[in-house]
Amino acid sequence: MKAEDIMSKEVVTIKGSATVAEAITLMKNHGIRALIIERCHEYDAYGIVSETDIIYKVTAYGKSPRQVRVFEIMSKPCIIINPDLGIEYVAKMFANTGIHTAPVVQGELLGIISVTDILTKNDIVDSPKAILFEEVIQKAVEEARTICAIYGASSKVCTAAWDAVEELQAQAIHQKAENIISTKASFEEYCAANPDAPECRIYYED
């Protein structure tokens, strides 16, 4: 699944010049926790204001929401999400940055995605990403073997194919995915049969 599959297409926006009181009213009326800041022109960056911004920057200091403008507490430019981005990467971005909501943009504002969307609309229970990565890596291994059998173990396309396998394995490890197939064993098996192949470099110490 991708960001566009679970994002909310109905996005509520607000001007940066509006008061925080107006922002609160919009949030209450629409039952949402964040508003996207309207751009002033086509080259302007998107911004966002959340309930956390209001609590931490207004309420916590005893300020009146009627006397504070949205632009004083908003985040701009804000992190935006590509609609084609995989859900696991959206989750990773949220985890790394500490944000909970972000606009989905591709040339124009398409929607908004939140941690709630990831939890309630995702298929993480039935299709955990570790299993999907395992399938992708297995397919890449098979393709690498086929390519090397056709073009030769010393060919550039063979080297590139195994580099692609290693890149997938690195991504899987980075995401701390479990139950990954032993790509190392597959690669070592290939190198044992083709010891002179240039791609059979040593990456691991005994």
C-alpha atoms as a PDB file:
ATOM      1  CA  MET A   1       0.000   0.000   0.000  1.00  0.00           C
ATOM      2  CA  LYS A   2       1.018   3.572  -0.693  1.00  0.00           C
ATOM      3  CA  ALA A   3       0.304   6.890   0.990  1.00  0.00           C
ATOM      4  CA  GLU A   4      -2.393   7.727  -1.538  1.00  0.00           C
ATOM      5  CA  ASP A   5      -4.248   4.532  -0.624  1.00  0.00           C
ATOM      6  CA  ILE A   6      -4.891   5.572   2.959  1.00  0.00           C
ATOM      7  CA  MET A   7      -4.673   9.368   2.951  1.00  0.00           C
ATOM      8  CA  SER A   8      -7.693  11.561   3.639  1.00  0.00           C
ATOM      9  CA  LYS A   9      -8.609  13.478   0.496  1.00  0.00           C
ATOM     10  CA  GLU A  10     -10.744  16.023   2.312  1.00  0.00           C
ATOM     11  CA  VAL A  11      -8.142  18.481   3.571  1.00  0.00           C
ATOM     12  CA  VAL A  12      -9.110  21.431   5.740  1.00  0.00           C
ATOM     13  CA  THR A  13      -6.919  24.472   5.167  1.00  0.00           C
ATOM     14  CA  ILE A  14      -6.492  27.803   6.911  1.00  0.00           C
ATOM     15  CA  LYS A  15      -4.664  31.048   6.206  1.00  0.00           C
ATOM     16  CA  GLY A  16      -1.546  31.810   8.192  1.00  0.00           C
ATOM     17  CA  SER A  17      -3.050  35.176   9.126  1.00  0.00           C
ATOM     18  CA  ALA A  18      -6.045  33.534  10.864  1.00  0.00           C
ATOM     19  CA  THR A  19      -6.186  33.485  14.636  1.00  0.00           C
ATOM     20  CA  VAL A  20      -5.496  30.358  16.636  1.00  0.00           C
ATOM     21  CA  ALA A  21      -9.081  30.647  17.930  1.00  0.00           C
ATOM     22  CA  GLU A  22     -10.305  30.241  14.343  1.00  0.00           C
ATOM     23  CA  ALA A  23      -8.025  27.245  13.894  1.00  0.00           C
ATOM     24  CA  ILE A  24      -9.431  25.630  17.035  1.00  0.00           C
ATOM     25  CA  THR A  25     -12.979  26.159  15.775  1.00  0.00           C
ATOM     26  CA  LEU A  26     -12.151  24.507  12.445  1.00  0.00           C
ATOM     27  CA  MET A  27     -10.557  21.538  14.189  1.00  0.00           C
ATOM     28  CA  LYS A  28     -13.572  21.081  16.442  1.00  0.00           C
ATOM     29  CA  ASN A  29     -16.106  21.399  13.618  1.00  0.00           C
ATOM     30  CA  HIS A  30     -14.315  18.873  11.405  1.00  0.00           C
ATOM     31  CA  GLY A  31     -13.118  16.537  14.160  1.00  0.00           C
ATOM     32  CA  ILE A  32      -9.473  16.780  13.064  1.00  0.00           C
ATOM     33  CA  ARG A  33      -6.150  17.410  14.760  1.00  0.00           C
ATOM     34  CA  ALA A  34      -4.255  19.409  12.165  1.00  0.00           C
ATOM     35  CA  LEU A  35      -4.811  22.038   9.483  1.00  0.00           C
ATOM     36  CA  ILE A  36      -2.779  22.686   6.348  1.00  0.00           C
ATOM     37  CA  ILE A  37      -1.691  26.283   5.831  1.00  0.00           C
ATOM     38  CA  GLU A  38      -2.798  27.773   2.523  1.00  0.00           C
ATOM     39  CA  ARG A  39       0.043  28.863   0.248  1.00  0.00           C
ATOM     40  CA  CYS A  40       0.364  32.540  -0.606  1.00  0.00           C
ATOM     41  CA  HIS A  41       1.486  31.782  -4.177  1.00  0.00           C
ATOM     42  CA  GLU A  42       2.359  28.795  -6.369  1.00  0.00           C
ATOM     43  CA  TYR A  43       6.011  28.785  -5.288  1.00  0.00           C
ATOM     44  CA  ASP A  44       5.228  29.058  -1.602  1.00  0.00           C
ATOM     45  CA  ALA A  45       5.862  26.130   0.769  1.00  0.00           C
ATOM     46  CA  TYR A  46       3.108  24.229   2.544  1.00  0.00           C
ATOM     47  CA  GLY A  47       2.745  24.629   6.271  1.00  0.00           C
ATOM     48  CA  ILE A  48       0.855  22.822   9.016  1.00  0.00           C
ATOM     49  CA  VAL A  49      -0.550  23.645  12.441  1.00  0.00           C
ATOM     50  CA  SER A  50      -1.584  20.913  14.844  1.00  0.00           C
ATOM     51  CA  GLU A  51      -3.351  20.626  18.160  1.00  0.00           C
ATOM     52  CA  THR A  52       0.060  19.973  19.687  1.00  0.00           C
ATOM     53  CA  ASP A  53       1.301  23.342  18.407  1.00  0.00           C
ATOM     54  CA  ILE A  54      -1.671  25.031  20.040  1.00  0.00           C
ATOM     55  CA  ILE A  55      -1.260  23.241  23.375  1.00  0.00           C
ATOM     56  CA  TYR A  56       2.539  23.617  23.560  1.00  0.00           C
ATOM     57  CA  LYS A  57       2.882  27.143  22.169  1.00  0.00           C
ATOM     58  CA  VAL A  58      -0.321  28.870  23.227  1.00  0.00           C
ATOM     59  CA  THR A  59      -2.142  27.137  26.064  1.00  0.00           C
ATOM     60  CA  ALA A  60       1.045  26.219  27.941  1.00  0.00           C
ATOM     61  CA  TYR A  61       2.019  29.895  28.100  1.00  0.00           C
ATOM     62  CA  GLY A  62      -1.418  31.182  29.060  1.00  0.00           C
ATOM     63  CA  LYS A  63      -1.807  33.095  25.811  1.00  0.00           C
ATOM     64  CA  SER A  64      -5.180  33.969  24.357  1.00  0.00           C
ATOM     65  CA  PRO A  65      -5.952  32.042  21.131  1.00  0.00           C
ATOM     66  CA  ARG A  66      -7.718  35.168  19.879  1.00  0.00           C
ATOM     67  CA  GLN A  67      -4.547  37.199  20.085  1.00  0.00           C
ATOM     68  CA  VAL A  68      -2.143  34.708  18.478  1.00  0.00           C
ATOM     69  CA  ARG A  69      -1.937  34.206  14.725  1.00  0.00           C
ATOM     70  CA  VAL A  70      -1.500  30.821  13.113  1.00  0.00           C
ATOM     71  CA  PHE A  71       1.723  31.878  11.392  1.00  0.00           C
ATOM     72  CA  GLU A  72       3.293  32.415  14.835  1.00  0.00           C
ATOM     73  CA  ILE A  73       2.997  28.753  15.798  1.00  0.00           C
ATOM     74  CA  MET A  74       2.800  26.838  12.507  1.00  0.00           C
ATOM     75  CA  SER A  75       5.543  24.668  10.998  1.00  0.00           C
ATOM     76  CA  LYS A  76       6.538  25.994   7.580  1.00  0.00           C
ATOM     77  CA  PRO A  77       7.900  24.606   5.398  1.00  0.00           C
ATOM     78  CA  CYS A  78       6.568  21.307   6.651  1.00  0.00           C
ATOM     79  CA  ILE A  79       7.446  17.745   5.749  1.00  0.00           C
ATOM     80  CA  ILE A  80       5.390  16.565   2.777  1.00  0.00           C
ATOM     81  CA  ILE A  81       4.652  13.025   1.639  1.00  0.00           C
ATOM     82  CA  ASN A  82       4.790  11.745  -1.932  1.00  0.00           C
ATOM     83  CA  PRO A  83       1.569   9.859  -2.749  1.00  0.00           C
ATOM     84  CA  ASP A  84       3.609   6.945  -4.172  1.00  0.00           C
ATOM     85  CA  LEU A  85       5.606   6.467  -0.960  1.00  0.00           C
ATOM     86  CA  GLY A  86       5.128   3.055   0.677  1.00  0.00           C
ATOM     87  CA  ILE A  87       3.307   3.057   4.009  1.00  0.00           C
ATOM     88  CA  GLU A  88       6.305   1.583   5.843  1.00  0.00           C
ATOM     89  CA  TYR A  89       8.417   4.525   4.691  1.00  0.00           C
ATOM     90  CA  VAL A  90       5.762   7.006   5.773  1.00  0.00           C
ATOM     91  CA  ALA A  91       5.787   5.352   9.201  1.00  0.00           C
ATOM     92  CA  LYS A  92       9.593   5.492   9.285  1.00  0.00           C
ATOM     93  CA  MET A  93       9.559   9.193   8.395  1.00  0.00           C
ATOM     94  CA  PHE A  94       7.027   9.900  11.129  1.00  0.00           C
ATOM     95  CA  ALA A  95       9.136   7.966  13.625  1.00  0.00           C
ATOM     96  CA  ASN A  96      12.371   9.715  12.654  1.00  0.00           C
ATOM     97  CA  THR A  97      10.928  13.231  12.714  1.00  0.00           C
ATOM     98  CA  GLY A  98       8.439  12.912  15.557  1.00  0.00           C
ATOM     99  CA  ILE A  99       5.534  14.268  13.507  1.00  0.00           C
ATOM    100  CA  HIS A 100       2.049  12.768  13.482  1.00  0.00           C
ATOM    101  CA  THR A 101       0.489  14.313  10.384  1.00  0.00           C
ATOM    102  CA  ALA A 102       1.711  15.516   6.984  1.00  0.00           C
ATOM    103  CA  PRO A 103       0.211  16.759   3.732  1.00  0.00           C
ATOM    104  CA  VAL A 104       0.397  14.512   0.679  1.00  0.00           C
ATOM    105  CA  VAL A 105       1.715  16.561  -2.222  1.00  0.00           C
ATOM    106  CA  GLN A 106       2.639  15.938  -5.830  1.00  0.00           C
ATOM    107  CA  GLY A 107       2.630  19.256  -7.607  1.00  0.00           C
ATOM    108  CA  GLU A 108      -0.526  20.116  -5.694  1.00  0.00           C
ATOM    109  CA  LEU A 109      -2.126  19.277  -2.382  1.00  0.00           C
ATOM    110  CA  LEU A 110      -3.761  15.855  -2.778  1.00  0.00           C
ATOM    111  CA  GLY A 111      -4.579  14.886   0.788  1.00  0.00           C
ATOM    112  CA  ILE A 112      -3.337  14.503   4.328  1.00  0.00           C
ATOM    113  CA  ILE A 113      -2.026  11.444   6.154  1.00  0.00           C
ATOM    114  CA  SER A 114      -1.647  10.759   9.870  1.00  0.00           C
ATOM    115  CA  VAL A 115      -0.462   8.061  12.231  1.00  0.00           C
ATOM    116  CA  THR A 116      -4.130   7.185  12.756  1.00  0.00           C
ATOM    117  CA  ASP A 117      -4.506   6.499   9.029  1.00  0.00           C
ATOM    118  CA  ILE A 118      -1.464   4.224   9.109  1.00  0.00           C
ATOM    119  CA  LEU A 119      -2.848   2.272  12.047  1.00  0.00           C
ATOM    120  CA  THR A 120      -6.484   1.979  10.991  1.00  0.00           C
ATOM    121  CA  LYS A 121      -6.334   1.822   7.178  1.00  0.00           C
ATOM    122  CA  ASN A 122      -3.144  -0.155   6.624  1.00  0.00           C
ATOM    123  CA  ASP A 123      -2.813  -3.897   6.014  1.00  0.00           C
ATOM    124  CA  ILE A 124       0.007  -4.386   8.520  1.00  0.00           C
ATOM    125  CA  VAL A 125      -1.823  -7.263  10.226  1.00  0.00           C
ATOM    126  CA  ASP A 126      -2.518  -9.352   7.135  1.00  0.00           C
ATOM    127  CA  SER A 127       0.503  -8.287   5.073  1.00  0.00           C
ATOM    128  CA  PRO A 128       3.481  -7.477   7.301  1.00  0.00           C
ATOM    129  CA  LYS A 129       6.260  -5.777   5.341  1.00  0.00           C
ATOM    130  CA  ALA A 130       8.885  -8.289   6.465  1.00  0.00           C
ATOM    131  CA  ILE A 131       7.120 -10.981   4.473  1.00  0.00           C
ATOM    132  CA  LEU A 132       6.810  -8.718   1.435  1.00  0.00           C
ATOM    133  CA  PHE A 133      10.510  -7.880   1.594  1.00  0.00           C
ATOM    134  CA  GLU A 134      11.296 -11.582   1.769  1.00  0.00           C
ATOM    135  CA  GLU A 135       9.348 -12.166  -1.436  1.00  0.00           C
ATOM    136  CA  VAL A 136      11.007  -9.234  -3.225  1.00  0.00           C
ATOM    137  CA  ILE A 137      14.498 -10.348  -2.213  1.00  0.00           C
ATOM    138  CA  GLN A 138      13.812 -13.936  -3.272  1.00  0.00           C
ATOM    139  CA  LYS A 139      12.637 -12.699  -6.668  1.00  0.00           C
ATOM    140  CA  ALA A 140      15.728 -10.492  -7.024  1.00  0.00           C
ATOM    141  CA  VAL A 141      17.995 -13.459  -6.211  1.00  0.00           C
ATOM    142  CA  GLU A 142      16.307 -15.580  -8.882  1.00  0.00           C
ATOM    143  CA  GLU A 143      16.595 -12.765 -11.431  1.00  0.00           C
ATOM    144  CA  ALA A 144      20.280 -12.288 -10.612  1.00  0.00           C
ATOM    145  CA  ARG A 145      20.992 -15.977 -11.183  1.00  0.00           C
ATOM    146  CA  THR A 146      19.126 -15.916 -14.500  1.00  0.00           C
ATOM    147  CA  ILE A 147      20.915 -12.795 -15.705  1.00  0.00           C
ATOM    148  CA  CYS A 148      24.329 -14.173 -14.769  1.00  0.00           C
ATOM    149  CA  ALA A 149      23.580 -17.465 -16.508  1.00  0.00           C
ATOM    150  CA  ILE A 150      22.682 -15.594 -19.711  1.00  0.00           C
ATOM    151  CA  TYR A 151      25.317 -12.868 -19.789  1.00  0.00           C
ATOM    152  CA  GLY A 152      28.103 -14.531 -17.846  1.00  0.00           C
ATOM    153  CA  ALA A 153      29.415 -14.228 -14.324  1.00  0.00           C
ATOM    154  CA  SER A 154      31.892 -11.504 -15.293  1.00  0.00           C
ATOM    155  CA  SER A 155      29.386  -9.266 -17.076  1.00  0.00           C
ATOM    156  CA  LYS A 156      28.404  -5.824 -15.831  1.00  0.00           C
ATOM    157  CA  VAL A 157      24.708  -6.720 -15.830  1.00  0.00           C
ATOM    158  CA  CYS A 158      25.444  -9.680 -13.574  1.00  0.00           C
ATOM    159  CA  THR A 159      27.320  -7.421 -11.162  1.00  0.00           C
ATOM    160  CA  ALA A 160      24.467  -4.923 -11.205  1.00  0.00           C
ATOM    161  CA  ALA A 161      21.906  -7.649 -10.525  1.00  0.00           C
ATOM    162  CA  TRP A 162      23.703  -8.838  -7.386  1.00  0.00           C
ATOM    163  CA  ASP A 163      24.252  -5.243  -6.273  1.00  0.00           C
ATOM    164  CA  ALA A 164      20.474  -4.816  -6.469  1.00  0.00           C
ATOM    165  CA  VAL A 165      20.027  -7.858  -4.229  1.00  0.00           C
ATOM    166  CA  GLU A 166      22.446  -6.421  -1.685  1.00  0.00           C
ATOM    167  CA  GLU A 167      20.656  -3.070  -1.755  1.00  0.00           C
ATOM    168  CA  LEU A 168      17.344  -4.748  -0.996  1.00  0.00           C
ATOM    169  CA  GLN A 169      18.920  -6.652   1.863  1.00  0.00           C
ATOM    170  CA  ALA A 170      20.347  -3.399   3.253  1.00  0.00           C
ATOM    171  CA  GLN A 171      16.902  -1.794   3.147  1.00  0.00           C
ATOM    172  CA  ALA A 172      15.370  -4.770   4.923  1.00  0.00           C
ATOM    173  CA  ILE A 173      17.990  -4.657   7.657  1.00  0.00           C
ATOM    174  CA  HIS A 174      17.537  -0.893   7.995  1.00  0.00           C
ATOM    175  CA  GLN A 175      13.846  -1.373   8.649  1.00  0.00           C
ATOM    176  CA  LYS A 176      14.705  -4.101  11.154  1.00  0.00           C
ATOM    177  CA  ALA A 177      12.538  -6.505   9.218  1.00  0.00           C
ATOM    178  CA  GLU A 178      12.481 -10.004  10.673  1.00  0.00           C
ATOM    179  CA  ASN A 179      12.481 -13.396   8.972  1.00  0.00           C
ATOM    180  CA  ILE A 180      14.502 -12.153   5.992  1.00  0.00           C
ATOM    181  CA  ILE A 181      15.784 -14.948   3.772  1.00  0.00           C
ATOM    182  CA  SER A 182      19.485 -15.634   3.883  1.00  0.00           C
ATOM    183  CA  THR A 183      20.598 -13.580   0.925  1.00  0.00           C
ATOM    184  CA  LYS A 184      24.175 -13.836   2.161  1.00  0.00           C
ATOM    185  CA  ALA A 185      24.006 -17.605   1.825  1.00  0.00           C
ATOM    186  CA  SER A 186      22.579 -17.330  -1.679  1.00  0.00           C
ATOM    187  CA  PHE A 187      25.294 -14.908  -2.723  1.00  0.00           C
ATOM    188  CA  GLU A 188      28.061 -17.005  -1.195  1.00  0.00           C
ATOM    189  CA  GLU A 189      26.689 -20.073  -2.960  1.00  0.00           C
ATOM    190  CA  TYR A 190      26.866 -18.177  -6.237  1.00  0.00           C
ATOM    191  CA  CYS A 191      30.444 -17.017  -5.539  1.00  0.00           C
ATOM    192  CA  ALA A 192      31.518 -20.541  -4.661  1.00  0.00           C
ATOM    193  CA  ALA A 193      30.446 -21.612  -8.138  1.00  0.00           C
ATOM    194  CA  ASN A 194      31.934 -18.494  -9.774  1.00  0.00           C
ATOM    195  CA  PRO A 195      35.027 -17.541  -7.724  1.00  0.00           C
ATOM    196  CA  ASP A 196      36.465 -15.343 -10.481  1.00  0.00           C
ATOM    197  CA  ALA A 197      33.368 -13.158 -10.836  1.00  0.00           C
ATOM    198  CA  PRO A 198      34.228  -9.495 -10.021  1.00  0.00           C
ATOM    199  CA  GLU A 199      31.073  -9.015  -7.969  1.00  0.00           C
ATOM    200  CA  CYS A 200      32.149 -11.711  -5.518  1.00  0.00           C
ATOM    201  CA  ARG A 201      33.726  -9.253  -3.133  1.00  0.00           C
ATOM    202  CA  ILE A 202      34.161  -9.992   0.563  1.00  0.00           C
ATOM    203  CA  TYR A 203      31.663  -8.089   2.678  1.00  0.00           C
ATOM    204  CA  TYR A 204      31.715 -10.207   5.806  1.00  0.00           C
ATOM    205  CA  GLU A 205      34.497 -11.337   8.091  1.00  0.00           C
ATOM    206  CA  ASP A 206      34.553 -14.831   9.462  1.00  0.00           C
END
